[in-house]
Each structure stands twice: as C-alpha cells, then as structure tokens.
Amino acid sequence: MGAICVNDFDESVTHVVSDDPWTEIFREKWLGDRPLVKSDWILGSNLLWRKEPEDQFHPGGSERDSGAS
C-alpha cells in the first residue's frame, strides 16, 4: 500500500490516524485539510487492497455528520 507511519508532523503527512474523536479539536487548529481517520481505515484499506473512503472512518462518525468540512 505504500504507507509510512511517522510520529513527527510535517508537510509529508497526508492523513492523521486517531481513534479519539477529541482529535477533531486538534485538527481544526493544526491539520488543515488532511483527513482524520480511525485506525480501522488502515486495516480496511489493507484488507481490501484499496484506499477506503476516509469519511466512513472518522473517529466521531462521518465527517458529514459532525459538521466538519
């Protein structure tokens, strides 16, 4: 799949993985338009050998449901 997991946040980061919906507060301030997804997104994408839709793996439910854009 080509993913690389890192602990440091820089311009190379394309997704932020967290199972904690409170990360949304962090996202609003720091993440910009990078998708915030649960760890299940990685597992599902790996299992099916395709990138799964990020909005179905948001820690607080669907991004559309949470009011985030």
N, C-alpha and C. Protein backbone atom coordinates (compact mmCIF):
# COMPACT_ATOMS: atom_id res chain seq x y z
N MET A 1 0.82 -1.18 0.00
CA MET A 1 0.00 0.00 0.00
C MET A 1 0.87 1.26 0.00
N GLY A 2 2.07 1.19 0.51
CA GLY A 2 2.98 2.32 0.43
C GLY A 2 2.92 3.31 1.58
N ALA A 3 2.14 3.04 2.60
CA ALA A 3 2.03 3.97 3.72
C ALA A 3 3.28 3.93 4.59
N ILE A 4 3.61 5.07 5.14
CA ILE A 4 4.69 5.19 6.11
C ILE A 4 4.12 5.89 7.32
N CYS A 5 4.26 5.27 8.48
CA CYS A 5 3.76 5.87 9.72
C CYS A 5 4.88 6.66 10.39
N VAL A 6 4.57 7.87 10.81
CA VAL A 6 5.56 8.73 11.46
C VAL A 6 4.97 9.33 12.72
N ASN A 7 5.82 9.73 13.64
CA ASN A 7 5.37 10.39 14.86
C ASN A 7 5.49 11.91 14.75
N ASP A 8 6.30 12.38 13.82
CA ASP A 8 6.50 13.82 13.66
C ASP A 8 5.59 14.34 12.57
N PHE A 9 5.01 15.49 12.80
CA PHE A 9 4.06 16.07 11.86
C PHE A 9 4.77 17.09 10.99
N ASP A 10 4.78 16.84 9.66
CA ASP A 10 5.36 17.80 8.73
C ASP A 10 4.55 17.78 7.44
N GLU A 11 5.04 18.45 6.40
CA GLU A 11 4.28 18.57 5.15
C GLU A 11 4.11 17.25 4.40
N SER A 12 4.87 16.22 4.77
CA SER A 12 4.74 14.93 4.10
C SER A 12 3.54 14.12 4.60
N VAL A 13 2.95 14.52 5.72
CA VAL A 13 1.82 13.80 6.31
C VAL A 13 0.58 14.03 5.46
N THR A 14 -0.07 12.93 5.04
CA THR A 14 -1.27 13.03 4.20
C THR A 14 -2.55 12.70 4.96
N HIS A 15 -2.46 11.90 6.04
CA HIS A 15 -3.60 11.52 6.85
C HIS A 15 -3.17 11.52 8.31
N VAL A 16 -4.11 11.79 9.20
CA VAL A 16 -3.85 11.67 10.64
C VAL A 16 -4.76 10.57 11.15
N VAL A 17 -4.17 9.60 11.87
CA VAL A 17 -4.90 8.45 12.36
C VAL A 17 -5.08 8.57 13.87
N SER A 18 -6.34 8.52 14.31
CA SER A 18 -6.65 8.58 15.73
C SER A 18 -8.03 7.97 15.95
N ASP A 19 -8.17 7.20 17.02
CA ASP A 19 -9.47 6.65 17.37
C ASP A 19 -10.21 7.56 18.36
N ASP A 20 -9.61 8.69 18.71
CA ASP A 20 -10.17 9.62 19.68
C ASP A 20 -10.88 10.77 18.96
N PRO A 21 -12.21 10.89 19.11
CA PRO A 21 -12.92 11.97 18.43
C PRO A 21 -12.50 13.36 18.90
N TRP A 22 -11.87 13.48 20.06
CA TRP A 22 -11.41 14.79 20.54
C TRP A 22 -10.27 15.33 19.68
N THR A 23 -9.67 14.47 18.87
CA THR A 23 -8.61 14.91 17.98
C THR A 23 -9.15 15.96 17.00
N GLU A 24 -10.47 15.99 16.80
CA GLU A 24 -11.09 16.97 15.91
C GLU A 24 -10.74 18.39 16.35
N ILE A 25 -10.66 18.63 17.65
CA ILE A 25 -10.26 19.96 18.16
C ILE A 25 -8.85 20.27 17.69
N PHE A 26 -7.95 19.30 17.78
CA PHE A 26 -6.59 19.46 17.30
C PHE A 26 -6.59 19.70 15.80
N ARG A 27 -7.42 18.96 15.09
CA ARG A 27 -7.47 19.06 13.64
C ARG A 27 -7.84 20.47 13.19
N GLU A 28 -8.84 21.04 13.81
CA GLU A 28 -9.30 22.37 13.41
C GLU A 28 -8.17 23.40 13.48
N LYS A 29 -7.29 23.24 14.44
CA LYS A 29 -6.22 24.22 14.61
C LYS A 29 -4.98 23.91 13.79
N TRP A 30 -4.65 22.61 13.62
CA TRP A 30 -3.34 22.26 13.06
C TRP A 30 -3.35 21.43 11.78
N LEU A 31 -4.36 20.66 11.52
CA LEU A 31 -4.27 19.68 10.45
C LEU A 31 -4.63 20.20 9.07
N GLY A 32 -5.32 21.31 8.98
CA GLY A 32 -5.72 21.82 7.67
C GLY A 32 -6.69 20.87 7.00
N ASP A 33 -6.45 20.55 5.73
CA ASP A 33 -7.39 19.67 5.03
C ASP A 33 -6.96 18.20 5.04
N ARG A 34 -6.03 17.83 5.88
CA ARG A 34 -5.64 16.42 5.96
C ARG A 34 -6.76 15.62 6.61
N PRO A 35 -7.12 14.49 6.03
CA PRO A 35 -8.18 13.67 6.61
C PRO A 35 -7.79 13.11 7.98
N LEU A 36 -8.76 13.09 8.87
CA LEU A 36 -8.61 12.47 10.18
C LEU A 36 -9.40 11.17 10.13
N VAL A 37 -8.73 10.04 10.36
CA VAL A 37 -9.37 8.73 10.24
C VAL A 37 -9.05 7.84 11.45
N LYS A 38 -9.94 6.87 11.71
CA LYS A 38 -9.68 5.86 12.74
C LYS A 38 -8.67 4.85 12.21
N SER A 39 -8.06 4.12 13.11
CA SER A 39 -7.09 3.10 12.71
C SER A 39 -7.73 2.02 11.86
N ASP A 40 -9.04 1.82 11.98
CA ASP A 40 -9.74 0.84 11.15
C ASP A 40 -9.63 1.18 9.66
N TRP A 41 -9.41 2.44 9.32
CA TRP A 41 -9.26 2.84 7.92
C TRP A 41 -8.04 2.15 7.31
N ILE A 42 -6.95 2.11 8.08
CA ILE A 42 -5.73 1.44 7.60
C ILE A 42 -5.99 -0.04 7.43
N LEU A 43 -6.62 -0.65 8.44
CA LEU A 43 -6.89 -2.09 8.39
C LEU A 43 -7.82 -2.43 7.22
N GLY A 44 -8.89 -1.65 7.04
CA GLY A 44 -9.83 -1.91 5.96
C GLY A 44 -9.20 -1.72 4.59
N SER A 45 -8.42 -0.67 4.44
CA SER A 45 -7.76 -0.41 3.16
C SER A 45 -6.77 -1.52 2.84
N ASN A 46 -6.05 -1.97 3.84
CA ASN A 46 -5.07 -3.05 3.64
C ASN A 46 -5.78 -4.36 3.28
N LEU A 47 -6.86 -4.67 3.98
CA LEU A 47 -7.59 -5.90 3.73
C LEU A 47 -8.15 -5.95 2.31
N LEU A 48 -8.68 -4.82 1.83
CA LEU A 48 -9.32 -4.80 0.52
C LEU A 48 -8.39 -4.35 -0.61
N TRP A 49 -7.15 -4.02 -0.27
CA TRP A 49 -6.15 -3.58 -1.24
C TRP A 49 -6.59 -2.35 -2.04
N ARG A 50 -7.29 -1.45 -1.35
CA ARG A 50 -7.68 -0.17 -1.97
C ARG A 50 -7.90 0.84 -0.87
N LYS A 51 -7.74 2.09 -1.21
CA LYS A 51 -7.95 3.17 -0.23
C LYS A 51 -9.44 3.32 0.02
N GLU A 52 -9.87 3.05 1.23
CA GLU A 52 -11.27 3.16 1.61
C GLU A 52 -11.65 4.64 1.78
N PRO A 53 -12.93 4.99 1.64
CA PRO A 53 -13.37 6.38 1.80
C PRO A 53 -13.12 6.88 3.22
N GLU A 54 -12.36 7.97 3.34
CA GLU A 54 -12.00 8.49 4.66
C GLU A 54 -13.21 8.87 5.49
N ASP A 55 -14.26 9.41 4.86
CA ASP A 55 -15.40 9.90 5.63
C ASP A 55 -16.17 8.78 6.34
N GLN A 56 -15.95 7.53 5.94
CA GLN A 56 -16.59 6.40 6.62
C GLN A 56 -15.79 5.93 7.83
N PHE A 57 -14.62 6.53 8.07
CA PHE A 57 -13.74 6.10 9.15
C PHE A 57 -13.34 7.25 10.05
N HIS A 58 -14.18 8.26 10.16
CA HIS A 58 -13.90 9.41 11.03
C HIS A 58 -14.11 9.00 12.48
N PRO A 59 -13.23 9.41 13.41
CA PRO A 59 -13.34 8.97 14.81
C PRO A 59 -14.68 9.34 15.46
N GLY A 60 -15.29 10.41 15.04
CA GLY A 60 -16.56 10.83 15.62
C GLY A 60 -17.74 10.41 14.76
N GLY A 61 -17.56 9.47 13.85
CA GLY A 61 -18.59 9.12 12.87
C GLY A 61 -18.23 9.75 11.55
N SER A 62 -19.21 9.93 10.69
CA SER A 62 -18.99 10.53 9.39
C SER A 62 -18.63 11.99 9.55
N GLU A 63 -17.66 12.49 8.77
CA GLU A 63 -17.32 13.91 8.80
C GLU A 63 -18.53 14.74 8.43
N ARG A 64 -19.35 14.24 7.55
CA ARG A 64 -20.55 14.99 7.17
C ARG A 64 -21.48 15.13 8.36
N ASP A 65 -21.58 14.09 9.19
CA ASP A 65 -22.44 14.13 10.36
C ASP A 65 -21.91 15.06 11.43
N SER A 66 -20.60 15.22 11.51
CA SER A 66 -20.01 16.01 12.59
C SER A 66 -19.99 17.50 12.27
N GLY A 67 -20.33 17.88 11.03
CA GLY A 67 -20.32 19.28 10.66
C GLY A 67 -18.98 19.77 10.17
N ALA A 68 -17.95 18.91 10.15
CA ALA A 68 -16.64 19.31 9.65
C ALA A 68 -16.68 19.34 8.14
N SER A 69 -15.80 20.15 7.55
CA SER A 69 -15.74 20.17 6.09
C SER A 69 -14.36 19.88 5.61
